[in-house]
Amino acid sequence: MATLINKLSATGGLTDKVRATELIRKTTAGRDLTDTEIKIIRDVIVPGKPKPKPPFDDGGPDPVPDTQQPPPEQTKPDFEIDTKLQLLISTIPRANPGDIITSEYHNSLRDAVRGIASRIGLSVSAASEFKILTFSPAFLPTLQKNSTATNLKWDVTLNRAAIPTEIPTADLNRPISGGFVVQLPDNAAIFSMVVRGTRSGTAAPNPKDFTVSLNRVKLGKETTEPAPLIVMDLKAVKDGAFDEKGSVKLTESEKDKINSEFLITTTTIERQVIDNSTWTYTVVAEWTAGAQNAAKFEINSIQILCTA
């Protein structure tokens, strides 16, 4: 059979069937084979033909071809080069002994940190840096200093607190005062407060006093004088709608500390950080006429901005 296969593989010019049949007859020295025998031999050795079951096949199942796919080629991770981030990092100045640390150092470092945060999917938009809390001016009466008597009250309706239309002459120097407790996010830092409202009375003189303040009072010591964090003097705002903003101010002792040591003190940071386990936070608005024709005010909303 090996001789027959070798001759078949070297033969050309005839079709596979004719070539196989002819060579089989020559290889068997002219012995006559039956057509069935020739067909079996031819189908076995002609290239491209499926191999039939031999006559002695026991009828068992054909071998299952190996269809296992080769494992997929592992791709190496693609590390993208962020040229913008590289530029931000490269612009951070190198500090040397004796150098004066200027705002350039801080701002370039801040930009680089923001770039890294953006690269890993954190939001660095201006809005994401603050928690903005909006409150309706639902002022409750406050007590007079060193007394159990209440101050004059704001005229409060939904989303509006206004100075009463008529003020008796005897009360022109009594404050109209009210306040409410605000719920602020624990461990956030107080940044600023925004007061929106309206001043009425065209060309009317300024009132004697008009302030809105954000204060904190230590829990369990309600009789202690509230410690102001933000105080806004609004008596001189222009006629019509107003939108005024105030920030946490340093005390004189804190200013002296900064001027002498060129740094922000821990006292300032401690005052700004919200600690609901120790302090209660309140917004208080006080207006004193001083004159019968003093300008009247109404407050529509109060917003407190905290760093996230």
Protein backbone atom coordinates (compact mmCIF):
# COMPACT_ATOMS: atom_id res chain seq x y z
CA MET A 1 0.00 0.00 0.00
CA ALA A 2 2.90 2.35 0.73
CA THR A 3 4.19 1.83 -2.86
CA LEU A 4 0.71 2.59 -4.18
CA ILE A 5 0.44 5.85 -2.14
CA ASN A 6 3.90 7.02 -3.26
CA LYS A 7 3.03 6.45 -6.93
CA LEU A 8 -0.27 8.27 -6.53
CA SER A 9 1.35 11.30 -4.96
CA ALA A 10 3.89 11.55 -7.84
CA THR A 11 1.38 11.12 -10.65
CA GLY A 12 0.04 14.06 -12.59
CA GLY A 13 -2.02 14.85 -15.67
CA LEU A 14 -4.97 12.53 -14.98
CA THR A 15 -7.91 13.02 -12.74
CA ASP A 16 -7.66 11.49 -9.28
CA LYS A 17 -10.20 8.74 -10.06
CA VAL A 18 -8.57 7.65 -13.35
CA ARG A 19 -5.07 7.92 -11.94
CA ALA A 20 -5.94 5.90 -8.84
CA THR A 21 -7.78 3.19 -10.75
CA GLU A 22 -4.95 2.79 -13.29
CA LEU A 23 -2.19 2.65 -10.71
CA ILE A 24 -4.10 0.15 -8.57
CA ARG A 25 -4.40 -2.22 -11.53
CA LYS A 26 -0.66 -1.82 -12.40
CA THR A 27 0.46 -2.27 -8.81
CA THR A 28 -1.49 -5.49 -8.44
CA ALA A 29 0.25 -6.96 -11.55
CA GLY A 30 -2.89 -6.88 -13.59
CA ARG A 31 -4.90 -8.93 -11.12
CA ASP A 32 -8.52 -8.10 -11.52
CA LEU A 33 -10.11 -6.46 -8.56
CA THR A 34 -13.74 -5.97 -8.07
CA ASP A 35 -15.14 -2.50 -8.44
CA THR A 36 -15.89 -2.43 -4.71
CA GLU A 37 -12.28 -3.22 -3.81
CA ILE A 38 -10.97 -0.60 -6.20
CA LYS A 39 -13.38 2.02 -4.86
CA ILE A 40 -12.33 1.34 -1.24
CA ILE A 41 -8.61 1.64 -2.07
CA ARG A 42 -9.12 4.68 -4.27
CA ASP A 43 -11.20 6.55 -1.68
CA VAL A 44 -8.63 5.89 0.99
CA ILE A 45 -5.60 7.17 -0.91
CA VAL A 46 -6.95 9.93 -3.15
CA PRO A 47 -6.20 13.31 -1.52
CA GLY A 48 -9.17 15.44 -0.42
CA LYS A 49 -11.56 12.51 0.07
CA PRO A 50 -13.01 11.69 3.51
CA LYS A 51 -11.74 8.46 4.97
CA PRO A 52 -14.53 5.85 5.00
CA LYS A 53 -15.03 3.30 7.69
CA PRO A 54 -13.03 0.15 6.89
CA PRO A 55 -14.93 -3.08 6.19
CA PHE A 56 -13.94 -4.39 9.60
CA ASP A 57 -15.41 -1.36 11.43
CA ASP A 58 -17.01 -2.46 14.67
CA GLY A 59 -19.76 0.14 14.31
CA GLY A 60 -18.53 2.32 17.18
CA PRO A 61 -18.72 6.12 17.06
CA ASP A 62 -16.24 8.05 14.99
CA PRO A 63 -13.47 9.81 16.86
CA VAL A 64 -14.48 13.31 17.89
CA PRO A 65 -12.23 15.90 16.29
CA ASP A 66 -10.36 18.21 18.61
CA THR A 67 -12.30 21.47 18.42
CA GLN A 68 -10.66 23.17 21.39
CA GLN A 69 -9.77 26.74 20.51
CA PRO A 70 -6.35 28.08 21.42
CA PRO A 71 -6.42 30.49 24.39
CA PRO A 72 -6.84 34.12 23.30
CA GLU A 73 -3.70 36.13 23.20
CA GLN A 74 -3.45 38.37 26.23
CA THR A 75 -3.15 42.02 25.36
CA LYS A 76 -0.86 44.21 27.34
CA PRO A 77 -2.51 47.13 29.17
CA ASP A 78 -2.44 50.37 27.28
CA PHE A 79 -1.03 53.08 29.51
CA GLU A 80 -2.20 56.34 28.02
CA ILE A 81 0.20 59.21 28.44
CA ASP A 82 -1.66 62.24 29.83
CA THR A 83 0.44 65.14 28.58
CA LYS A 84 -1.80 67.71 30.29
CA LEU A 85 -1.26 66.06 33.66
CA GLN A 86 2.48 65.82 33.04
CA LEU A 87 2.53 69.54 32.23
CA LEU A 88 0.65 70.43 35.42
CA ILE A 89 3.07 68.41 37.54
CA SER A 90 6.13 69.83 35.79
CA THR A 91 5.01 73.42 36.49
CA ILE A 92 5.14 72.93 40.28
CA PRO A 93 8.15 74.99 41.38
CA ARG A 94 10.94 73.26 43.25
CA ALA A 95 11.44 74.83 46.68
CA ASN A 96 14.96 75.47 47.87
CA PRO A 97 16.14 76.44 51.35
CA GLY A 98 15.61 80.15 51.91
CA ASP A 99 13.05 80.57 49.11
CA ILE A 100 9.94 82.60 49.83
CA ILE A 101 6.88 80.42 49.28
CA THR A 102 4.52 82.45 47.11
CA SER A 103 1.00 81.85 45.83
CA GLU A 104 2.55 80.29 42.70
CA TYR A 105 3.63 77.27 44.74
CA HIS A 106 0.18 76.71 46.23
CA ASN A 107 -1.79 77.34 43.04
CA SER A 108 0.37 75.10 40.83
CA LEU A 109 0.19 72.30 43.38
CA ARG A 110 -3.59 72.75 43.62
CA ASP A 111 -3.94 72.57 39.82
CA ALA A 112 -1.89 69.37 39.72
CA VAL A 113 -3.97 67.73 42.46
CA ARG A 114 -7.17 68.71 40.65
CA GLY A 115 -5.74 67.22 37.44
CA ILE A 116 -4.99 63.93 39.21
CA ALA A 117 -8.46 63.90 40.74
CA SER A 118 -10.03 64.47 37.33
CA ARG A 119 -7.87 61.69 35.82
CA ILE A 120 -9.17 59.10 38.32
CA GLY A 121 -12.78 60.12 37.79
CA LEU A 122 -13.47 62.55 40.64
CA SER A 123 -15.52 65.67 39.96
CA VAL A 124 -13.49 68.88 40.18
CA SER A 125 -16.14 71.35 39.06
CA ALA A 126 -16.73 74.45 41.15
CA ALA A 127 -20.16 73.18 42.22
CA SER A 128 -18.70 69.92 43.55
CA GLU A 129 -16.47 71.80 46.01
CA PHE A 130 -19.41 73.24 47.97
CA LYS A 131 -22.56 72.14 49.69
CA ILE A 132 -25.16 74.86 49.13
CA LEU A 133 -27.91 74.86 51.74
CA THR A 134 -30.95 77.12 51.23
CA PHE A 135 -33.26 78.15 54.08
CA SER A 136 -36.56 79.97 54.21
CA PRO A 137 -36.54 82.89 56.72
CA ALA A 138 -38.84 81.22 59.26
CA PHE A 139 -37.78 83.56 62.08
CA LEU A 140 -38.88 82.75 65.63
CA PRO A 141 -38.95 85.47 68.30
CA THR A 142 -35.77 86.11 70.25
CA LEU A 143 -35.33 87.30 73.80
CA GLN A 144 -34.09 90.74 74.75
CA LYS A 145 -30.62 90.85 76.25
CA ASN A 146 -30.60 90.26 80.00
CA SER A 147 -34.36 89.83 79.99
CA THR A 148 -37.07 87.23 79.53
CA ALA A 149 -39.11 89.62 77.37
CA THR A 150 -39.19 89.01 73.63
CA ASN A 151 -38.05 91.43 70.95
CA LEU A 152 -40.39 92.77 68.30
CA LYS A 153 -41.25 90.11 65.73
CA TRP A 154 -40.71 89.81 62.00
CA ASP A 155 -43.86 89.49 59.90
CA VAL A 156 -43.30 85.92 58.64
CA THR A 157 -45.16 84.25 55.78
CA LEU A 158 -44.12 81.44 53.42
CA ASN A 159 -40.64 82.23 52.01
CA ARG A 160 -40.83 85.79 53.31
CA ALA A 161 -39.97 87.69 56.48
CA ALA A 162 -40.76 91.42 56.47
CA ILE A 163 -40.62 94.42 58.76
CA PRO A 164 -44.12 95.23 60.10
CA THR A 165 -45.89 98.01 58.20
CA GLU A 166 -46.56 100.13 61.31
CA ILE A 167 -44.06 100.62 64.11
CA PRO A 168 -45.14 102.59 67.17
CA THR A 169 -43.00 105.60 68.00
CA ALA A 170 -42.15 104.08 71.36
CA ASP A 171 -40.61 101.08 69.58
CA LEU A 172 -38.42 102.91 67.06
CA ASN A 173 -35.29 101.97 69.00
CA ARG A 174 -36.36 98.45 69.86
CA PRO A 175 -34.94 95.77 67.56
CA ILE A 176 -37.16 93.60 65.42
CA SER A 177 -35.36 90.30 65.89
CA GLY A 178 -35.84 86.68 64.93
CA GLY A 179 -33.84 83.54 64.32
CA PHE A 180 -33.94 79.85 63.51
CA VAL A 181 -31.71 76.80 63.93
CA VAL A 182 -29.92 75.54 60.81
CA GLN A 183 -28.88 71.95 60.20
CA LEU A 184 -25.40 71.92 58.66
CA PRO A 185 -23.34 68.94 57.42
CA ASP A 186 -21.01 67.62 60.10
CA ASN A 187 -17.26 68.12 59.53
CA ALA A 188 -17.80 70.46 56.56
CA ALA A 189 -16.21 73.91 56.75
CA ILE A 190 -18.39 77.03 56.67
CA PHE A 191 -17.36 79.21 53.74
CA SER A 192 -19.94 81.99 53.27
CA MET A 193 -23.56 83.06 53.64
CA VAL A 194 -25.83 84.71 51.06
CA VAL A 195 -28.90 86.78 51.99
CA ARG A 196 -31.51 87.65 49.33
CA GLY A 197 -34.35 90.08 49.81
CA THR A 198 -35.75 93.51 48.99
CA ARG A 199 -35.33 97.03 50.33
CA SER A 200 -38.43 99.21 50.02
CA GLY A 201 -39.05 102.93 50.47
CA THR A 202 -37.59 105.03 47.67
CA ALA A 203 -34.95 107.45 49.00
CA ALA A 204 -35.81 106.45 52.57
CA PRO A 205 -33.01 106.86 55.10
CA ASN A 206 -31.09 103.84 56.28
CA PRO A 207 -32.35 102.19 59.43
CA LYS A 208 -30.36 102.46 62.62
CA ASP A 209 -29.35 98.81 62.31
CA PHE A 210 -29.93 95.82 60.05
CA THR A 211 -27.72 92.75 60.46
CA VAL A 212 -27.99 89.08 59.55
CA SER A 213 -25.59 86.73 61.33
CA LEU A 214 -24.64 83.07 61.48
CA ASN A 215 -23.79 82.06 65.04
CA ARG A 216 -22.93 79.04 67.09
CA VAL A 217 -23.93 78.28 70.67
CA LYS A 218 -22.40 75.53 72.77
CA LEU A 219 -24.79 72.69 73.54
CA GLY A 220 -25.99 72.67 77.16
CA LYS A 221 -25.02 76.32 77.64
CA GLU A 222 -27.87 78.17 75.94
CA THR A 223 -27.46 81.13 78.30
CA THR A 224 -23.96 81.72 76.95
CA GLU A 225 -23.65 84.58 74.48
CA PRO A 226 -23.75 83.20 70.87
CA ALA A 227 -20.40 83.32 69.08
CA PRO A 228 -20.81 84.97 65.65
CA LEU A 229 -19.19 83.28 62.65
CA ILE A 230 -20.49 85.55 59.88
CA VAL A 231 -21.99 89.01 60.46
CA MET A 232 -23.49 90.95 57.53
CA ASP A 233 -24.34 94.65 57.87
CA LEU A 234 -27.10 95.26 55.31
CA LYS A 235 -28.58 98.60 56.35
CA ALA A 236 -26.97 100.46 53.43
CA VAL A 237 -27.92 98.15 50.54
CA LYS A 238 -29.53 99.87 47.55
CA ASP A 239 -33.26 100.09 46.92
CA GLY A 240 -34.91 97.09 45.27
CA ALA A 241 -33.81 93.48 45.27
CA PHE A 242 -30.48 92.66 46.87
CA ASP A 243 -28.20 89.62 46.91
CA GLU A 244 -25.46 90.04 49.52
CA LYS A 245 -22.67 87.68 50.51
CA GLY A 246 -20.56 87.49 53.66
CA SER A 247 -17.69 85.24 54.72
CA VAL A 248 -16.19 84.04 57.98
CA LYS A 249 -14.14 86.86 59.45
CA LEU A 250 -11.03 86.60 61.57
CA THR A 251 -11.05 88.02 65.07
CA GLU A 252 -8.46 90.62 66.04
CA SER A 253 -6.47 88.05 68.02
CA GLU A 254 -6.47 85.73 65.01
CA LYS A 255 -5.30 88.55 62.74
CA ASP A 256 -2.48 89.32 65.16
CA LYS A 257 -1.51 85.65 65.22
CA ILE A 258 -1.38 85.53 61.41
CA ASN A 259 0.58 88.79 61.14
CA SER A 260 3.19 87.52 63.59
CA GLU A 261 3.54 83.96 62.29
CA PHE A 262 2.45 84.22 58.64
CA LEU A 263 0.05 81.28 58.88
CA ILE A 264 -3.59 80.39 59.36
CA THR A 265 -4.16 79.45 62.99
CA THR A 266 -5.92 76.33 64.15
CA THR A 267 -8.40 78.59 65.95
CA THR A 268 -9.71 79.90 62.61
CA ILE A 269 -9.99 76.40 61.19
CA GLU A 270 -11.71 75.12 64.33
CA ARG A 271 -14.30 77.90 64.18
CA GLN A 272 -15.18 77.12 60.57
CA VAL A 273 -15.46 73.34 60.87
CA ILE A 274 -19.00 72.24 61.69
CA ASP A 275 -19.25 70.14 64.86
CA ASN A 276 -22.88 69.27 65.56
CA SER A 277 -21.95 67.25 68.63
CA THR A 278 -20.71 70.40 70.38
CA TRP A 279 -22.48 73.37 68.83
CA THR A 280 -25.92 74.55 67.71
CA TYR A 281 -25.89 76.82 64.65
CA THR A 282 -28.42 79.64 64.25
CA VAL A 283 -29.22 82.45 61.81
CA VAL A 284 -30.43 85.69 63.43
CA ALA A 285 -31.73 88.85 61.72
CA GLU A 286 -32.14 92.15 63.59
CA TRP A 287 -33.52 95.47 62.31
CA THR A 288 -33.88 98.68 64.31
CA ALA A 289 -35.70 101.65 62.76
CA GLY A 290 -34.22 104.62 64.61
CA ALA A 291 -36.64 106.86 62.68
CA GLN A 292 -40.25 106.67 61.57
CA ASN A 293 -39.44 106.88 57.87
CA ALA A 294 -36.53 104.40 57.90
CA ALA A 295 -36.29 102.02 54.94
CA LYS A 296 -38.13 98.75 55.37
CA PHE A 297 -36.75 95.36 54.39
CA GLU A 298 -37.90 91.84 53.66
CA ILE A 299 -35.81 88.67 53.45
CA ASN A 300 -36.70 85.92 50.98
CA SER A 301 -33.96 83.30 51.44
CA ILE A 302 -30.68 82.57 53.20
CA GLN A 303 -28.01 80.30 51.75
CA ILE A 304 -25.02 78.85 53.56
CA LEU A 305 -22.10 77.56 51.51
CA CYS A 306 -19.91 74.87 53.05
CA THR A 307 -16.82 73.25 51.62
CA ALA A 308 -17.49 69.59 50.91
